[in-house]
Every structure is written in C-alpha cells, then in structure tokens.
C-alpha cells in the first residue's frame, strides 16, 4: 500500500488528507485480474465537504475526520498490472492537489479540468478469454468492487457467460444494512434490467437517472440474456457510476461492469 499526504486549503483553513492506494493479484491465471484499493482519510478537525478523485473513480461528500470514517474503494479490474502514476484530487469548489497512486492502463496527463467535467469512462482493458486444451473458451473473470465508508458497505459483482444460445450478463449489488446504506442509484444497471435493445441501452440509462434500486433483503440482482446476433464478439466492460446514500450524504464510485455494447464516453457515465 502506498501512502501520500495532501494538504487542502480552503478559505484559509488547511485540511490534511491521507491518500492511499495499492494492488494485489486476484488469481493466478495468465493475464488475470488485479484488485486495486483506494482510500481517503480526513485528518483534519472538520468535514471535507467535497472530494473528487476521478482517476480512482471515487467522489464523496462530507467526509468526516478520522480513520473510522475513511472511504475505501476496492475494484477488480482486467489485465494491466497497476503502476504508480501521478494523479490529482479535487476538493471543495475549486481546490486541486497533486498526488500519486496505483493505476492500470493510461490515465490522462493533460487538461485534467476537462476530465473533471467529462470523466473518461471508456472500456477497461480486459483480455479475451484464451481457449483451453480442449479448444473451449472459458468465461471471462468476474469484475466489480467493494465500497466501504464509515459503517456503510456495498458490494458489486458482474459476470459474463456465453453458450450456443447467446450470452448472458449477471450483476449483483448488495449492502450491509438498510440503516447504513439508505439508497443506491445505478442507472446503467437499472437500464440493463429493463432489457432494452442494445442500441437503446444508453438512452434508457439517461431516463433512469436519480432512481433508487429496489433491493430485496439488501440485495439487487439482474440477469439478462442476449441472442448470438447481439454478441459484440468481445468482453466489453464499462466503468459506470453507482451512487450510495449513507449517513445523510452520498458517495459515487465508477464500477467495472459487463456491458452488451461499447459505449462512448457520455455524461451519464460519470459521477456527477
């Protein structure tokens, strides 16, 4: 785990922030997955009203002081081994502080203010499954992540399976309790559950902005099958926003989830 300290100045007050990141292999397969962990800890004496770490896919409001209130975001990604790269964290209305963290693949090095407004959320690198000795192609690995902030925890998982009848995308989202997590908004997951034609997927997600998922026993699951002619012929993973309501505030994460179609970066694929 790499730790960096950042000093945020706002209205004459300096807020000390710990910025942590690290990674670990998820399995032993060639070209396998990695889990990357990002944490933000407020070491000041007052709440930090807004924090946005676009490169980590993490945005939170009203981060309370202390390690027990830290934001921890662990996401399972594709094949590129993470390495340390420069990054920036935005806070309050206009403060920006430099830092470093572990990231997989390239991150923008220029015009980061544009990225803050139109966050790059195109497909994650994910290797195509390699045929085995019997020439069968195994299912690609599960992707997703876990968010912990204060006493709230949310787990997200997504898998992709193919057979002779087409392909299937499964997504599950669970929370530790309805007291700790009072609401979850996931418009792209809701859109998938509505089973639109693949060309209408993005438009459906736009329509479902702001709607909370209806969880049953603290869990939401969706499974959608597509015919062979709809198969994009590759394992498409999109990072898409999921917003968690907890303790009177909100945290948004961008989560890797399988998609039936490639989507160009658009407004609804970012944490607002």
Protein backbone atom coordinates (compact mmCIF):
# COMPACT_ATOMS: atom_id res chain seq x y z
CA UNK A 1 0.00 0.00 0.00
CA UNK A 2 1.37 3.40 -0.97
CA UNK A 3 0.55 6.37 1.25
CA UNK A 4 0.75 10.03 0.32
CA UNK A 5 -0.26 13.12 2.26
CA UNK A 6 -2.07 16.07 0.72
CA UNK A 7 -2.81 19.48 2.18
CA UNK A 8 -6.05 21.08 1.00
CA UNK A 9 -6.51 24.81 1.55
CA UNK A 10 -10.00 26.30 1.62
CA UNK A 11 -10.98 29.73 2.94
CA UNK A 12 -7.77 29.98 4.95
CA UNK A 13 -8.19 26.54 6.55
CA UNK A 14 -5.78 23.69 5.78
CA UNK A 15 -7.19 20.16 5.72
CA UNK A 16 -4.77 17.22 5.92
CA UNK A 17 -5.72 14.26 3.75
CA UNK A 18 -4.16 10.78 3.55
CA UNK A 19 -4.23 9.31 0.04
CA UNK A 20 -3.58 5.56 -0.11
CA UNK A 21 -3.53 3.03 -2.93
CA UNK A 22 -2.29 -0.48 -3.52
CA UNK A 23 -2.99 -3.60 -5.56
CA UNK A 24 -2.84 -7.39 -5.41
CA UNK A 25 -3.33 -10.21 -7.95
CA UNK A 26 -6.81 -11.67 -7.86
CA UNK A 27 -5.93 -15.05 -9.38
CA UNK A 28 -3.04 -16.94 -10.92
CA UNK A 29 -4.31 -17.08 -14.49
CA UNK A 30 -2.13 -15.68 -17.23
CA UNK A 31 -3.47 -12.24 -17.96
CA UNK A 32 -5.56 -12.43 -14.82
CA UNK A 33 -7.18 -9.78 -12.70
CA UNK A 34 -5.95 -7.33 -10.14
CA UNK A 35 -7.70 -5.72 -7.22
CA UNK A 36 -6.82 -2.06 -6.72
CA UNK A 37 -7.58 -0.36 -3.41
CA UNK A 38 -8.00 3.39 -2.96
CA UNK A 39 -8.51 5.10 0.39
CA UNK A 40 -9.04 8.69 1.52
CA UNK A 41 -8.71 9.63 5.20
CA UNK A 42 -9.56 13.08 6.53
CA UNK A 43 -7.03 14.02 9.24
CA UNK A 44 -8.45 17.49 9.82
CA UNK A 45 -10.80 18.59 12.60
CA UNK A 46 -13.75 19.28 10.31
CA UNK A 47 -15.60 17.63 7.41
CA UNK A 48 -14.21 17.97 3.90
CA UNK A 49 -17.36 18.99 2.06
CA UNK A 50 -16.47 17.52 -1.34
CA UNK A 51 -13.74 15.26 -2.72
CA UNK A 52 -13.42 14.02 -6.28
CA UNK A 53 -10.67 11.60 -7.35
CA UNK A 54 -11.59 10.94 -10.99
CA UNK A 55 -8.64 8.67 -11.78
CA UNK A 56 -9.77 6.34 -8.98
CA UNK A 57 -13.45 6.61 -9.91
CA UNK A 58 -14.35 7.97 -6.48
CA UNK A 59 -16.33 11.03 -5.41
CA UNK A 60 -17.67 11.71 -1.93
CA UNK A 61 -19.26 14.49 0.09
CA UNK A 62 -18.94 15.49 3.74
CA UNK A 63 -16.00 13.23 4.55
CA UNK A 64 -15.83 13.24 8.36
CA UNK A 65 -12.49 13.24 10.21
CA UNK A 66 -10.82 10.08 11.46
CA UNK A 67 -9.77 6.67 10.22
CA UNK A 68 -13.14 5.15 11.14
CA UNK A 69 -14.79 7.41 8.56
CA UNK A 70 -12.33 6.70 5.77
CA UNK A 71 -13.53 5.98 2.24
CA UNK A 72 -12.20 2.66 0.94
CA UNK A 73 -12.86 1.64 -2.67
CA UNK A 74 -11.59 -1.74 -3.92
CA UNK A 75 -12.25 -2.59 -7.55
CA UNK A 76 -11.50 -5.72 -9.55
CA UNK A 77 -10.17 -4.84 -12.98
CA UNK A 78 -8.73 -6.51 -16.07
CA UNK A 79 -5.27 -7.41 -17.18
CA UNK A 80 -2.90 -4.46 -16.96
CA UNK A 81 -0.66 -4.62 -13.90
CA UNK A 82 -1.06 -1.34 -12.00
CA UNK A 83 1.86 1.02 -11.60
CA UNK A 84 2.39 4.30 -9.76
CA UNK A 85 1.31 7.34 -11.75
CA UNK A 86 0.66 11.00 -10.97
CA UNK A 87 -2.92 11.94 -10.21
CA UNK A 88 -4.98 14.87 -8.97
CA UNK A 89 -7.69 15.16 -6.33
CA UNK A 90 -10.29 17.91 -6.49
CA UNK A 91 -11.89 19.26 -3.32
CA UNK A 92 -14.47 21.79 -2.22
CA UNK A 93 -15.40 24.03 -5.19
CA UNK A 94 -12.10 24.71 -6.89
CA UNK A 95 -9.14 23.26 -4.97
CA UNK A 96 -6.89 20.74 -6.71
CA UNK A 97 -3.98 18.90 -5.11
CA UNK A 98 -1.42 16.63 -6.82
CA UNK A 99 -0.74 13.12 -5.57
CA UNK A 100 0.25 9.66 -6.79
CA UNK A 101 -1.48 6.31 -6.91
CA UNK A 102 -1.58 2.88 -8.49
CA UNK A 103 -3.49 2.78 -11.76
CA UNK A 104 -3.86 0.22 -14.57
CA UNK A 105 -3.54 1.43 -18.14
CA UNK A 106 -3.14 5.02 -19.23
CA UNK A 107 -4.66 7.97 -17.44
CA UNK A 108 -4.93 11.42 -18.99
CA UNK A 109 -1.89 13.60 -18.41
CA UNK A 110 -3.25 16.76 -19.98
CA UNK A 111 -6.19 19.05 -19.39
CA UNK A 112 -7.45 17.32 -16.25
CA UNK A 113 -10.04 20.03 -15.72
CA UNK A 114 -11.80 18.70 -18.81
CA UNK A 115 -11.67 15.23 -17.32
CA UNK A 116 -13.32 16.51 -14.15
CA UNK A 117 -16.25 17.72 -16.23
CA UNK A 118 -16.35 14.89 -18.77
CA UNK A 119 -14.75 11.97 -16.97
CA UNK A 120 -13.21 9.43 -19.31
CA UNK A 121 -15.12 6.21 -18.77
CA UNK A 122 -14.42 4.09 -21.80
CA UNK A 123 -13.81 0.36 -21.71
CA UNK A 124 -11.32 -1.13 -19.29
CA UNK A 125 -8.66 -3.35 -20.78
CA UNK A 126 -9.82 -6.92 -20.34
CA UNK A 127 -8.07 -9.73 -22.18
CA UNK A 128 -10.14 -12.04 -24.30
CA UNK A 129 -10.51 -15.46 -22.74
CA UNK A 130 -7.88 -17.90 -24.01
CA UNK A 131 -9.05 -21.29 -25.36
CA UNK A 132 -8.08 -24.26 -23.22
CA UNK A 133 -6.58 -27.60 -24.28
CA UNK A 134 -9.98 -28.81 -25.46
CA UNK A 135 -10.37 -25.60 -27.51
CA UNK A 136 -13.21 -24.35 -25.32
CA UNK A 137 -13.17 -20.73 -24.24
CA UNK A 138 -13.68 -20.19 -20.50
CA UNK A 139 -15.93 -17.47 -19.20
CA UNK A 140 -14.12 -14.20 -18.50
CA UNK A 141 -13.47 -13.33 -14.85
CA UNK A 142 -15.91 -11.51 -12.59
CA UNK A 143 -15.40 -7.77 -12.23
CA UNK A 144 -16.82 -5.27 -9.73
CA UNK A 145 -15.75 -3.86 -6.41
CA UNK A 146 -16.47 -3.04 -2.77
CA UNK A 147 -17.05 0.38 -1.25
CA UNK A 148 -16.70 0.98 2.49
CA UNK A 149 -17.30 4.37 4.07
CA UNK A 150 -17.97 4.72 7.78
CA UNK A 151 -20.33 1.88 8.72
CA UNK A 152 -21.68 1.50 5.16
CA UNK A 153 -20.55 -1.26 2.79
CA UNK A 154 -21.71 -2.01 -0.76
CA UNK A 155 -20.53 -4.93 -2.92
CA UNK A 156 -20.91 -5.05 -6.70
CA UNK A 157 -20.19 -8.04 -8.94
CA UNK A 158 -20.67 -8.65 -12.66
CA UNK A 159 -20.07 -11.73 -14.81
CA UNK A 160 -20.38 -12.66 -18.47
CA UNK A 161 -21.20 -16.12 -19.83
CA UNK A 162 -21.52 -17.43 -23.38
CA UNK A 163 -23.10 -20.56 -24.82
CA UNK A 164 -24.62 -21.73 -28.08
CA UNK A 165 -27.78 -19.74 -27.35
CA UNK A 166 -26.01 -16.37 -26.98
CA UNK A 167 -24.55 -14.63 -23.97
CA UNK A 168 -25.69 -13.61 -20.51
CA UNK A 169 -24.74 -10.73 -18.21
CA UNK A 170 -25.27 -11.08 -14.46
CA UNK A 171 -24.99 -8.21 -11.97
CA UNK A 172 -25.44 -8.24 -8.21
CA UNK A 173 -25.39 -5.30 -5.81
CA UNK A 174 -25.68 -5.78 -2.05
CA UNK A 175 -25.46 -3.58 1.05
CA UNK A 176 -24.61 -4.49 4.62
CA UNK A 177 -27.85 -3.00 6.02
CA UNK A 178 -30.64 -0.59 5.08
CA UNK A 179 -29.75 1.52 8.11
CA UNK A 180 -26.16 2.07 6.97
CA UNK A 181 -26.99 2.37 3.26
CA UNK A 182 -30.29 4.14 2.72
CA UNK A 183 -30.26 4.20 -1.08
CA UNK A 184 -28.37 3.01 -4.17
CA UNK A 185 -28.67 4.59 -7.61
CA UNK A 186 -27.29 2.62 -10.55
CA UNK A 187 -28.95 3.90 -13.74
CA UNK A 188 -26.97 1.70 -16.13
CA UNK A 189 -27.78 -1.40 -14.11
CA UNK A 190 -31.45 -0.36 -13.99
CA UNK A 191 -31.34 0.15 -17.76
CA UNK A 192 -29.96 -3.34 -18.30
CA UNK A 193 -32.75 -4.77 -16.14
CA UNK A 194 -35.31 -3.04 -18.38
CA UNK A 195 -33.94 -5.20 -21.25
CA UNK A 196 -33.90 -2.57 -23.98
CA UNK A 197 -32.49 -3.26 -27.42
CA UNK A 198 -28.73 -2.80 -27.25
CA UNK A 199 -28.94 0.37 -29.34
CA UNK A 200 -31.34 1.86 -26.77
CA UNK A 201 -29.23 0.98 -23.70
CA UNK A 202 -27.64 4.43 -23.24
CA UNK A 203 -30.91 6.30 -23.76
CA UNK A 204 -32.61 4.09 -21.16
CA UNK A 205 -29.83 4.79 -18.65
CA UNK A 206 -30.36 8.52 -19.13
CA UNK A 207 -34.06 8.14 -18.37
CA UNK A 208 -33.37 6.26 -15.13
CA UNK A 209 -31.01 8.81 -13.57
CA UNK A 210 -31.92 9.51 -9.95
CA UNK A 211 -33.96 6.35 -9.33
CA UNK A 212 -33.04 4.12 -6.38
CA UNK A 213 -32.76 0.39 -6.85
CA UNK A 214 -35.41 -1.74 -5.17
CA UNK A 215 -33.40 -4.15 -3.04
CA UNK A 216 -34.82 -7.37 -1.63
CA UNK A 217 -33.21 -8.44 1.64
CA UNK A 218 -30.46 -5.88 0.99
CA UNK A 219 -29.62 -7.29 -2.45
CA UNK A 220 -30.39 -6.42 -6.06
CA UNK A 221 -29.75 -8.90 -8.87
CA UNK A 222 -30.28 -8.78 -12.60
CA UNK A 223 -29.63 -11.40 -15.26
CA UNK A 224 -30.16 -10.63 -18.95
CA UNK A 225 -29.67 -12.93 -21.95
CA UNK A 226 -28.94 -11.80 -25.48
CA UNK A 227 -29.15 -13.79 -28.74
CA UNK A 228 -25.98 -14.67 -30.66
CA UNK A 229 -26.55 -11.90 -33.22
CA UNK A 230 -26.27 -9.31 -30.43
CA UNK A 231 -22.89 -10.56 -29.22
CA UNK A 232 -20.25 -7.82 -29.67
CA UNK A 233 -17.65 -10.56 -30.10
CA UNK A 234 -15.51 -9.28 -27.25
CA UNK A 235 -15.69 -8.89 -23.49
CA UNK A 236 -16.88 -5.32 -23.05
CA UNK A 237 -16.51 -3.76 -19.60
CA UNK A 238 -17.74 -0.26 -18.86
CA UNK A 239 -16.97 1.73 -15.75
CA UNK A 240 -20.35 3.12 -14.76
CA UNK A 241 -21.49 5.26 -11.83
CA UNK A 242 -23.20 3.88 -8.73
CA UNK A 243 -24.22 6.39 -6.05
CA UNK A 244 -24.62 5.27 -2.43
CA UNK A 245 -26.62 7.25 0.13
CA UNK A 246 -25.30 6.83 3.67
CA UNK A 247 -25.31 8.83 6.89
CA UNK A 248 -27.10 11.79 5.33
CA UNK A 249 -24.59 12.14 2.49
CA UNK A 250 -23.54 10.40 -0.74
CA UNK A 251 -20.55 8.68 -2.30
CA UNK A 252 -20.28 7.86 -6.00
CA UNK A 253 -18.00 5.19 -7.45
CA UNK A 254 -17.44 4.18 -11.06
CA UNK A 255 -17.63 0.40 -11.15
CA UNK A 256 -16.41 -2.00 -13.85
CA UNK A 257 -19.48 -3.90 -15.10
CA UNK A 258 -20.02 -6.02 -18.21
CA UNK A 259 -21.95 -4.33 -20.99
CA UNK A 260 -23.77 -5.74 -24.04
CA UNK A 261 -22.35 -2.97 -26.22
CA UNK A 262 -19.49 -0.49 -26.37
CA UNK A 263 -20.47 2.97 -25.18
CA UNK A 264 -18.53 6.12 -25.99
CA UNK A 265 -17.84 8.42 -23.00
CA UNK A 266 -21.01 10.40 -22.28
CA UNK A 267 -22.33 12.49 -19.40
CA UNK A 268 -24.31 9.72 -17.72
CA UNK A 269 -21.14 7.61 -17.44
CA UNK A 270 -19.59 9.76 -14.73
CA UNK A 271 -20.04 10.66 -11.10
CA UNK A 272 -21.92 13.96 -11.00
